[in-house]
Amino acid sequence: MALLLCFTVLSTLAFAYARCPDGFEHNGKSCYAFVATKMNWFDADQFCTSLVPNTYFTHLVAIESPREQQWLENYINSHTELRNRDYWTSGTMIDRKRGWWWALTGDTFGYDNWAPGQPDDSGKCACLWARKLYRWDDVSCYDGYKYPICEFELIM
């Protein structure tokens, strides 16, 4: 009986992470939530973590390829309510010794899409900059005028 219960719980967990949670948009191996509330980088990441209860798999987005960048841009531009907003990513350089890395994955940037002249050391957190066609900008992590994009990585 205990074995059956354990199998049922594990099967349920596996299924739960093989599809997007409610309110998320699916693309590739990830699901994305576009949050309609401005906040600073720290609050944004904490907010993302709370979107899927009882897990710690959801954080600010890590844009790891041109394809992912393009999908995000297309999604934003195809939804009027999302356009003309700056969005937080999980990109950070809070630890200068590591350089730029993704808080979501812990990996250093393998792909980047900085706007011309960026990063210019004006901040330690990366955002998608609407005025520069969603190329990246380094800004203060305490800037409370950015919207989070949360990413939930699927377990396949």
N, C-alpha and C. Protein backbone atom coordinates (compact mmCIF):
# COMPACT_ATOMS: atom_id res chain seq x y z
N MET A 1 0.83 -1.19 0.00
CA MET A 1 0.00 0.00 0.00
C MET A 1 0.87 1.27 0.00
N ALA A 2 1.91 1.26 0.83
CA ALA A 2 2.80 2.42 0.90
C ALA A 2 3.51 2.63 -0.43
N LEU A 3 3.88 1.54 -1.10
CA LEU A 3 4.53 1.62 -2.39
C LEU A 3 3.59 2.24 -3.43
N LEU A 4 2.33 1.85 -3.41
CA LEU A 4 1.34 2.38 -4.33
C LEU A 4 1.13 3.88 -4.07
N LEU A 5 1.06 4.27 -2.82
CA LEU A 5 0.90 5.68 -2.46
C LEU A 5 2.10 6.49 -2.92
N CYS A 6 3.30 5.97 -2.70
CA CYS A 6 4.52 6.65 -3.13
C CYS A 6 4.53 6.82 -4.65
N PHE A 7 4.16 5.78 -5.39
CA PHE A 7 4.11 5.84 -6.86
C PHE A 7 3.10 6.87 -7.32
N THR A 8 1.93 6.90 -6.67
CA THR A 8 0.88 7.86 -7.03
C THR A 8 1.35 9.29 -6.82
N VAL A 9 2.00 9.56 -5.70
CA VAL A 9 2.51 10.90 -5.41
C VAL A 9 3.57 11.30 -6.43
N LEU A 10 4.51 10.41 -6.70
CA LEU A 10 5.57 10.72 -7.67
C LEU A 10 5.00 10.91 -9.07
N SER A 11 4.03 10.11 -9.46
CA SER A 11 3.40 10.26 -10.78
C SER A 11 2.70 11.60 -10.89
N THR A 12 2.01 12.00 -9.84
CA THR A 12 1.31 13.28 -9.82
C THR A 12 2.31 14.43 -9.94
N LEU A 13 3.41 14.36 -9.20
CA LEU A 13 4.43 15.41 -9.27
C LEU A 13 5.04 15.47 -10.66
N ALA A 14 5.34 14.34 -11.25
CA ALA A 14 5.93 14.32 -12.59
C ALA A 14 4.98 14.93 -13.60
N PHE A 15 3.69 14.59 -13.50
CA PHE A 15 2.71 15.15 -14.43
C PHE A 15 2.59 16.66 -14.23
N ALA A 16 2.61 17.09 -12.97
CA ALA A 16 2.44 18.51 -12.67
C ALA A 16 3.55 19.34 -13.28
N TYR A 17 4.74 18.79 -13.42
CA TYR A 17 5.85 19.56 -13.95
C TYR A 17 6.11 19.30 -15.42
N ALA A 18 5.24 18.51 -16.06
CA ALA A 18 5.37 18.24 -17.49
C ALA A 18 4.43 19.13 -18.31
N ARG A 19 3.69 20.00 -17.65
CA ARG A 19 2.81 20.94 -18.34
C ARG A 19 2.85 22.28 -17.61
N CYS A 20 2.42 23.31 -18.28
CA CYS A 20 2.48 24.65 -17.69
C CYS A 20 1.41 24.85 -16.62
N PRO A 21 1.77 25.55 -15.56
CA PRO A 21 0.76 25.92 -14.56
C PRO A 21 -0.26 26.90 -15.17
N ASP A 22 -1.41 27.00 -14.56
CA ASP A 22 -2.42 27.96 -15.02
C ASP A 22 -1.85 29.36 -15.02
N GLY A 23 -2.18 30.12 -16.07
CA GLY A 23 -1.72 31.50 -16.18
C GLY A 23 -0.36 31.67 -16.84
N PHE A 24 0.27 30.57 -17.24
CA PHE A 24 1.57 30.61 -17.90
C PHE A 24 1.40 30.29 -19.38
N GLU A 25 2.30 30.83 -20.19
CA GLU A 25 2.33 30.56 -21.63
C GLU A 25 3.46 29.61 -21.94
N HIS A 26 3.19 28.61 -22.76
CA HIS A 26 4.18 27.57 -23.08
C HIS A 26 5.03 27.94 -24.29
N ASN A 27 6.33 27.71 -24.18
CA ASN A 27 7.24 27.82 -25.31
C ASN A 27 8.43 26.89 -25.04
N GLY A 28 8.62 25.90 -25.91
CA GLY A 28 9.75 24.98 -25.75
C GLY A 28 9.68 24.22 -24.44
N LYS A 29 10.76 24.30 -23.67
CA LYS A 29 10.84 23.56 -22.40
C LYS A 29 10.47 24.44 -21.20
N SER A 30 9.88 25.60 -21.47
CA SER A 30 9.55 26.52 -20.39
C SER A 30 8.14 27.07 -20.51
N CYS A 31 7.69 27.63 -19.41
CA CYS A 31 6.41 28.32 -19.34
C CYS A 31 6.70 29.73 -18.80
N TYR A 32 5.95 30.71 -19.27
CA TYR A 32 6.23 32.10 -18.92
C TYR A 32 4.97 32.78 -18.41
N ALA A 33 5.14 33.59 -17.36
CA ALA A 33 4.05 34.42 -16.84
C ALA A 33 4.50 35.87 -16.93
N PHE A 34 3.65 36.70 -17.51
CA PHE A 34 3.90 38.13 -17.65
C PHE A 34 3.09 38.83 -16.57
N VAL A 35 3.79 39.40 -15.60
CA VAL A 35 3.15 39.97 -14.41
C VAL A 35 2.82 41.44 -14.65
N ALA A 36 1.64 41.86 -14.26
CA ALA A 36 1.14 43.20 -14.55
C ALA A 36 1.42 44.21 -13.43
N THR A 37 2.31 43.89 -12.52
CA THR A 37 2.63 44.78 -11.41
C THR A 37 4.11 45.15 -11.45
N LYS A 38 4.41 46.44 -11.36
CA LYS A 38 5.81 46.89 -11.33
C LYS A 38 6.40 46.62 -9.95
N MET A 39 7.67 46.24 -9.94
CA MET A 39 8.37 46.01 -8.67
C MET A 39 9.87 46.01 -8.91
N ASN A 40 10.65 46.03 -7.82
CA ASN A 40 12.10 45.96 -7.99
C ASN A 40 12.51 44.52 -8.27
N TRP A 41 13.77 44.33 -8.63
CA TRP A 41 14.27 43.02 -9.05
C TRP A 41 14.12 41.97 -7.96
N PHE A 42 14.46 42.33 -6.73
CA PHE A 42 14.41 41.37 -5.62
C PHE A 42 12.98 40.93 -5.34
N ASP A 43 12.06 41.90 -5.28
CA ASP A 43 10.65 41.57 -5.07
C ASP A 43 10.09 40.77 -6.24
N ALA A 44 10.54 41.11 -7.46
CA ALA A 44 10.06 40.41 -8.65
C ALA A 44 10.45 38.93 -8.60
N ASP A 45 11.70 38.64 -8.26
CA ASP A 45 12.12 37.24 -8.20
C ASP A 45 11.38 36.49 -7.10
N GLN A 46 11.19 37.13 -5.96
CA GLN A 46 10.45 36.50 -4.87
C GLN A 46 9.00 36.26 -5.29
N PHE A 47 8.41 37.24 -5.99
CA PHE A 47 7.04 37.08 -6.47
C PHE A 47 6.95 35.88 -7.41
N CYS A 48 7.89 35.78 -8.34
CA CYS A 48 7.89 34.65 -9.28
C CYS A 48 7.93 33.33 -8.54
N THR A 49 8.77 33.25 -7.52
CA THR A 49 8.91 32.01 -6.74
C THR A 49 7.58 31.60 -6.11
N SER A 50 6.74 32.58 -5.77
CA SER A 50 5.47 32.27 -5.11
C SER A 50 4.35 31.88 -6.09
N LEU A 51 4.57 32.00 -7.39
CA LEU A 51 3.49 31.74 -8.36
C LEU A 51 3.07 30.28 -8.44
N VAL A 52 3.98 29.36 -8.21
CA VAL A 52 3.65 27.93 -8.23
C VAL A 52 3.88 27.40 -6.82
N PRO A 53 2.82 27.27 -6.03
CA PRO A 53 2.96 26.87 -4.63
C PRO A 53 3.71 25.55 -4.46
N ASN A 54 4.43 25.46 -3.36
CA ASN A 54 5.16 24.25 -2.95
C ASN A 54 6.30 23.88 -3.89
N THR A 55 6.79 24.82 -4.69
CA THR A 55 7.96 24.57 -5.54
C THR A 55 8.86 25.79 -5.48
N TYR A 56 10.07 25.61 -5.93
CA TYR A 56 11.00 26.73 -6.08
C TYR A 56 11.54 26.74 -7.50
N PHE A 57 10.71 26.30 -8.45
CA PHE A 57 11.14 26.18 -9.84
C PHE A 57 10.85 27.41 -10.68
N THR A 58 10.20 28.40 -10.13
CA THR A 58 9.81 29.58 -10.90
C THR A 58 10.62 30.79 -10.44
N HIS A 59 11.29 31.44 -11.40
CA HIS A 59 12.09 32.62 -11.12
C HIS A 59 11.97 33.58 -12.29
N LEU A 60 12.61 34.72 -12.17
CA LEU A 60 12.67 35.62 -13.32
C LEU A 60 13.30 34.91 -14.50
N VAL A 61 12.91 35.30 -15.69
CA VAL A 61 13.31 34.62 -16.93
C VAL A 61 14.82 34.68 -17.17
N ALA A 62 15.36 33.58 -17.68
CA ALA A 62 16.74 33.51 -18.16
C ALA A 62 16.65 33.33 -19.67
N ILE A 63 17.11 34.32 -20.42
CA ILE A 63 17.00 34.28 -21.88
C ILE A 63 18.30 33.68 -22.42
N GLU A 64 18.23 32.42 -22.80
CA GLU A 64 19.44 31.68 -23.10
C GLU A 64 19.71 31.44 -24.58
N SER A 65 18.87 32.01 -25.45
CA SER A 65 19.10 31.82 -26.89
C SER A 65 18.40 32.91 -27.69
N PRO A 66 18.86 33.14 -28.92
CA PRO A 66 18.15 34.10 -29.78
C PRO A 66 16.71 33.68 -30.03
N ARG A 67 16.48 32.40 -30.10
CA ARG A 67 15.11 31.89 -30.32
C ARG A 67 14.18 32.25 -29.16
N GLU A 68 14.68 32.09 -27.94
CA GLU A 68 13.88 32.44 -26.76
C GLU A 68 13.64 33.96 -26.72
N GLN A 69 14.67 34.74 -27.01
CA GLN A 69 14.55 36.20 -27.07
C GLN A 69 13.47 36.59 -28.09
N GLN A 70 13.52 36.00 -29.28
CA GLN A 70 12.56 36.32 -30.33
C GLN A 70 11.14 35.95 -29.94
N TRP A 71 10.99 34.80 -29.28
CA TRP A 71 9.65 34.39 -28.84
C TRP A 71 9.09 35.40 -27.85
N LEU A 72 9.91 35.81 -26.88
CA LEU A 72 9.46 36.79 -25.90
C LEU A 72 9.06 38.11 -26.58
N GLU A 73 9.90 38.60 -27.48
CA GLU A 73 9.59 39.83 -28.21
C GLU A 73 8.28 39.69 -28.98
N ASN A 74 8.12 38.60 -29.69
CA ASN A 74 6.90 38.38 -30.47
C ASN A 74 5.66 38.32 -29.57
N TYR A 75 5.80 37.62 -28.46
CA TYR A 75 4.67 37.50 -27.53
C TYR A 75 4.28 38.87 -26.98
N ILE A 76 5.27 39.62 -26.53
CA ILE A 76 5.01 40.96 -25.99
C ILE A 76 4.36 41.84 -27.05
N ASN A 77 4.92 41.86 -28.25
CA ASN A 77 4.42 42.73 -29.31
C ASN A 77 3.04 42.33 -29.83
N SER A 78 2.66 41.07 -29.64
CA SER A 78 1.35 40.63 -30.11
C SER A 78 0.24 40.83 -29.07
N HIS A 79 0.59 41.35 -27.91
CA HIS A 79 -0.39 41.62 -26.85
C HIS A 79 -0.30 43.09 -26.46
N THR A 80 -1.27 43.86 -26.87
CA THR A 80 -1.27 45.31 -26.66
C THR A 80 -0.98 45.68 -25.21
N GLU A 81 -1.55 44.96 -24.27
CA GLU A 81 -1.39 45.30 -22.85
C GLU A 81 0.03 45.06 -22.34
N LEU A 82 0.86 44.35 -23.10
CA LEU A 82 2.23 44.07 -22.67
C LEU A 82 3.26 44.99 -23.31
N ARG A 83 2.88 45.67 -24.36
CA ARG A 83 3.83 46.51 -25.11
C ARG A 83 4.27 47.73 -24.30
N ASN A 84 5.42 48.27 -24.70
CA ASN A 84 5.97 49.51 -24.13
C ASN A 84 6.24 49.43 -22.63
N ARG A 85 6.60 48.28 -22.17
CA ARG A 85 6.98 48.08 -20.77
C ARG A 85 8.40 47.52 -20.73
N ASP A 86 9.14 47.90 -19.69
CA ASP A 86 10.44 47.29 -19.43
C ASP A 86 10.20 46.08 -18.53
N TYR A 87 10.92 44.99 -18.80
CA TYR A 87 10.72 43.74 -18.06
C TYR A 87 12.02 43.26 -17.41
N TRP A 88 11.88 42.78 -16.17
CA TRP A 88 13.01 42.18 -15.48
C TRP A 88 13.34 40.82 -16.07
N THR A 89 14.62 40.51 -16.13
CA THR A 89 15.11 39.16 -16.38
C THR A 89 15.83 38.72 -15.11
N SER A 90 16.28 37.49 -15.04
CA SER A 90 17.05 37.05 -13.87
C SER A 90 18.53 37.36 -14.02
N GLY A 91 18.90 38.07 -15.10
CA GLY A 91 20.29 38.44 -15.30
C GLY A 91 20.79 39.38 -14.22
N THR A 92 21.94 39.05 -13.66
CA THR A 92 22.49 39.87 -12.58
C THR A 92 24.02 39.82 -12.57
N MET A 93 24.59 40.86 -12.01
CA MET A 93 26.02 40.90 -11.76
C MET A 93 26.24 41.39 -10.33
N ILE A 94 25.37 40.94 -9.43
CA ILE A 94 25.49 41.32 -8.02
C ILE A 94 26.84 40.88 -7.48
N ASP A 95 27.31 39.73 -7.92
CA ASP A 95 28.65 39.25 -7.56
C ASP A 95 29.58 39.56 -8.73
N ARG A 96 30.33 40.66 -8.64
CA ARG A 96 31.20 41.12 -9.73
C ARG A 96 32.20 40.06 -10.19
N LYS A 97 32.64 39.20 -9.28
CA LYS A 97 33.64 38.19 -9.63
C LYS A 97 33.11 37.18 -10.64
N ARG A 98 31.81 36.97 -10.63
CA ARG A 98 31.19 36.00 -11.54
C ARG A 98 30.86 36.61 -12.90
N GLY A 99 30.80 37.91 -13.00
CA GLY A 99 30.33 38.54 -14.22
C GLY A 99 28.82 38.42 -14.30
N TRP A 100 28.27 38.55 -15.50
CA TRP A 100 26.82 38.44 -15.69
C TRP A 100 26.40 36.98 -15.70
N TRP A 101 25.38 36.66 -14.92
CA TRP A 101 24.87 35.29 -14.81
C TRP A 101 23.37 35.33 -14.59
N TRP A 102 22.74 34.17 -14.81
CA TRP A 102 21.28 34.03 -14.65
C TRP A 102 20.97 33.50 -13.26
N ALA A 103 20.19 34.25 -12.49
CA ALA A 103 19.77 33.78 -11.17
C ALA A 103 18.88 32.53 -11.29
N LEU A 104 18.15 32.41 -12.40
CA LEU A 104 17.28 31.24 -12.60
C LEU A 104 18.08 29.96 -12.66
N THR A 105 19.16 29.95 -13.43
CA THR A 105 19.92 28.71 -13.67
C THR A 105 21.26 28.66 -12.96
N GLY A 106 21.80 29.83 -12.59
CA GLY A 106 23.13 29.89 -12.00
C GLY A 106 24.23 29.92 -13.06
N ASP A 107 23.85 29.86 -14.34
CA ASP A 107 24.83 29.85 -15.43
C ASP A 107 25.23 31.26 -15.85
N THR A 108 26.49 31.42 -16.26
CA THR A 108 26.91 32.70 -16.83
C THR A 108 26.26 32.84 -18.21
N PHE A 109 26.16 34.07 -18.68
CA PHE A 109 25.53 34.31 -19.98
C PHE A 109 26.27 33.57 -21.08
N GLY A 110 25.57 32.72 -21.80
CA GLY A 110 26.11 32.09 -23.00
C GLY A 110 25.61 32.83 -24.23
N TYR A 111 24.54 33.57 -24.05
CA TYR A 111 23.94 34.40 -25.09
C TYR A 111 23.63 35.73 -24.44
N ASP A 112 23.79 36.82 -25.19
CA ASP A 112 23.35 38.12 -24.68
C ASP A 112 22.79 38.95 -25.83
N ASN A 113 22.01 39.94 -25.47
CA ASN A 113 21.36 40.81 -26.45
C ASN A 113 21.33 42.24 -25.91
N TRP A 114 22.49 42.74 -25.51
CA TRP A 114 22.59 44.08 -24.93
C TRP A 114 22.24 45.13 -25.99
N ALA A 115 21.58 46.19 -25.54
CA ALA A 115 21.34 47.35 -26.40
C ALA A 115 22.69 48.01 -26.67
N PRO A 116 22.81 48.79 -27.75
CA PRO A 116 24.07 49.49 -28.03
C PRO A 116 24.53 50.31 -26.81
N GLY A 117 25.81 50.17 -26.47
CA GLY A 117 26.38 50.90 -25.32
C GLY A 117 26.14 50.24 -23.98
N GLN A 118 25.49 49.10 -23.97
CA GLN A 118 25.19 48.38 -22.73
C GLN A 118 26.02 47.09 -22.68
N PRO A 119 26.33 46.57 -21.53
CA PRO A 119 26.08 47.19 -20.23
C PRO A 119 27.05 48.35 -19.98
N ASP A 120 26.56 49.36 -19.29
CA ASP A 120 27.38 50.55 -19.03
C ASP A 120 27.66 50.75 -17.55
N ASP A 121 27.51 49.67 -16.77
CA ASP A 121 27.76 49.70 -15.32
C ASP A 121 26.83 50.64 -14.57
N SER A 122 25.64 50.89 -15.11
CA SER A 122 24.68 51.73 -14.39
C SER A 122 23.85 50.92 -13.40
N GLY A 123 23.99 49.60 -13.43
CA GLY A 123 23.27 48.76 -12.48
C GLY A 123 23.77 47.33 -12.51
N LYS A 124 23.24 46.52 -11.63
CA LYS A 124 23.68 45.13 -11.48
C LYS A 124 22.62 44.11 -11.91
N CYS A 125 21.49 44.60 -12.45
CA CYS A 125 20.42 43.70 -12.89
C CYS A 125 20.03 44.03 -14.32
N ALA A 126 19.64 42.99 -15.08
CA ALA A 126 19.34 43.16 -16.51
C ALA A 126 17.84 43.17 -16.75
N CYS A 127 17.43 44.06 -17.65
CA CYS A 127 16.03 44.12 -18.04
C CYS A 127 15.91 44.19 -19.56
N LEU A 128 14.72 43.86 -20.04
CA LEU A 128 14.37 44.06 -21.44
C LEU A 128 13.90 45.51 -21.56
N TRP A 129 14.53 46.27 -22.40
CA TRP A 129 14.32 47.71 -22.50
C TRP A 129 13.40 47.98 -23.68
N ALA A 130 12.17 48.39 -23.40
CA ALA A 130 11.16 48.61 -24.44
C ALA A 130 11.61 49.62 -25.49
N ARG A 131 12.23 50.73 -25.06
CA ARG A 131 12.64 51.78 -26.00
C ARG A 131 13.72 51.31 -26.97
N LYS A 132 14.41 50.24 -26.65
CA LYS A 132 15.46 49.70 -27.51
C LYS A 132 15.04 48.35 -28.09
N LEU A 133 13.74 48.21 -28.37
CA LEU A 133 13.19 47.00 -29.00
C LEU A 133 13.47 45.73 -28.20
N TYR A 134 13.41 45.86 -26.89
CA TYR A 134 13.58 44.77 -25.95
C TYR A 134 14.99 44.17 -25.93
N ARG A 135 15.96 44.97 -26.35
CA ARG A 135 17.35 44.57 -26.10
C ARG A 135 17.60 44.85 -24.63
N TRP A 136 18.73 44.42 -24.12
CA TRP A 136 18.96 44.42 -22.68
C TRP A 136 19.66 45.68 -22.21
N ASP A 137 19.36 46.04 -20.95
CA ASP A 137 19.96 47.18 -20.28
C ASP A 137 20.32 46.76 -18.87
N ASP A 138 21.45 47.26 -18.36
CA ASP A 138 21.80 47.03 -16.96
C ASP A 138 21.29 48.22 -16.16
N VAL A 139 20.52 47.94 -15.12
CA VAL A 139 19.91 48.99 -14.31
C VAL A 139 20.03 48.62 -12.83
N SER A 140 19.71 49.58 -11.98
CA SER A 140 19.71 49.32 -10.55
C SER A 140 18.67 48.25 -10.22
N CYS A 141 19.06 47.30 -9.40
CA CYS A 141 18.14 46.24 -8.98
C CYS A 141 16.99 46.80 -8.13
N TYR A 142 17.18 47.99 -7.60
CA TYR A 142 16.16 48.61 -6.75
C TYR A 142 15.17 49.45 -7.54
N ASP A 143 15.35 49.54 -8.85
CA ASP A 143 14.41 50.26 -9.70
C ASP A 143 13.07 49.54 -9.61
N GLY A 144 12.07 50.22 -9.10
CA GLY A 144 10.75 49.59 -8.90
C GLY A 144 9.79 49.77 -10.05
N TYR A 145 10.30 50.12 -11.22
CA TYR A 145 9.41 50.42 -12.34
C TYR A 145 9.52 49.42 -13.49
N LYS A 146 9.78 48.18 -13.17
CA LYS A 146 9.89 47.13 -14.18
C LYS A 146 8.86 46.03 -13.86
N TYR A 147 8.45 45.35 -14.92
CA TYR A 147 7.50 44.25 -14.78
C TYR A 147 8.25 42.91 -14.85
N PRO A 148 7.87 41.95 -14.02
CA PRO A 148 8.53 40.64 -14.09
C PRO A 148 8.02 39.77 -15.23
N ILE A 149 8.93 39.03 -15.82
CA ILE A 149 8.57 37.87 -16.64
C ILE A 149 9.10 36.68 -15.87
N CYS A 150 8.19 35.81 -15.45
CA CYS A 150 8.57 34.64 -14.66
C CYS A 150 8.67 33.42 -15.57
N GLU A 151 9.66 32.59 -15.31
CA GLU A 151 9.87 31.38 -16.11
C GLU A 151 9.82 30.16 -15.22
N PHE A 152 9.06 29.19 -15.66
CA PHE A 152 8.93 27.90 -15.00
C PHE A 152 9.47 26.87 -15.96
N GLU A 153 10.56 26.21 -15.60
CA GLU A 153 11.15 25.21 -16.49
C GLU A 153 10.47 23.87 -16.31
N LEU A 154 10.01 23.31 -17.40
CA LEU A 154 9.32 22.03 -17.37
C LEU A 154 10.29 20.89 -17.15
N ILE A 155 9.83 19.86 -16.47
CA ILE A 155 10.60 18.64 -16.28
C ILE A 155 10.05 17.66 -17.30
N MET A 156 10.89 17.31 -18.26
CA MET A 156 10.42 16.41 -19.33
C MET A 156 10.85 14.99 -19.06
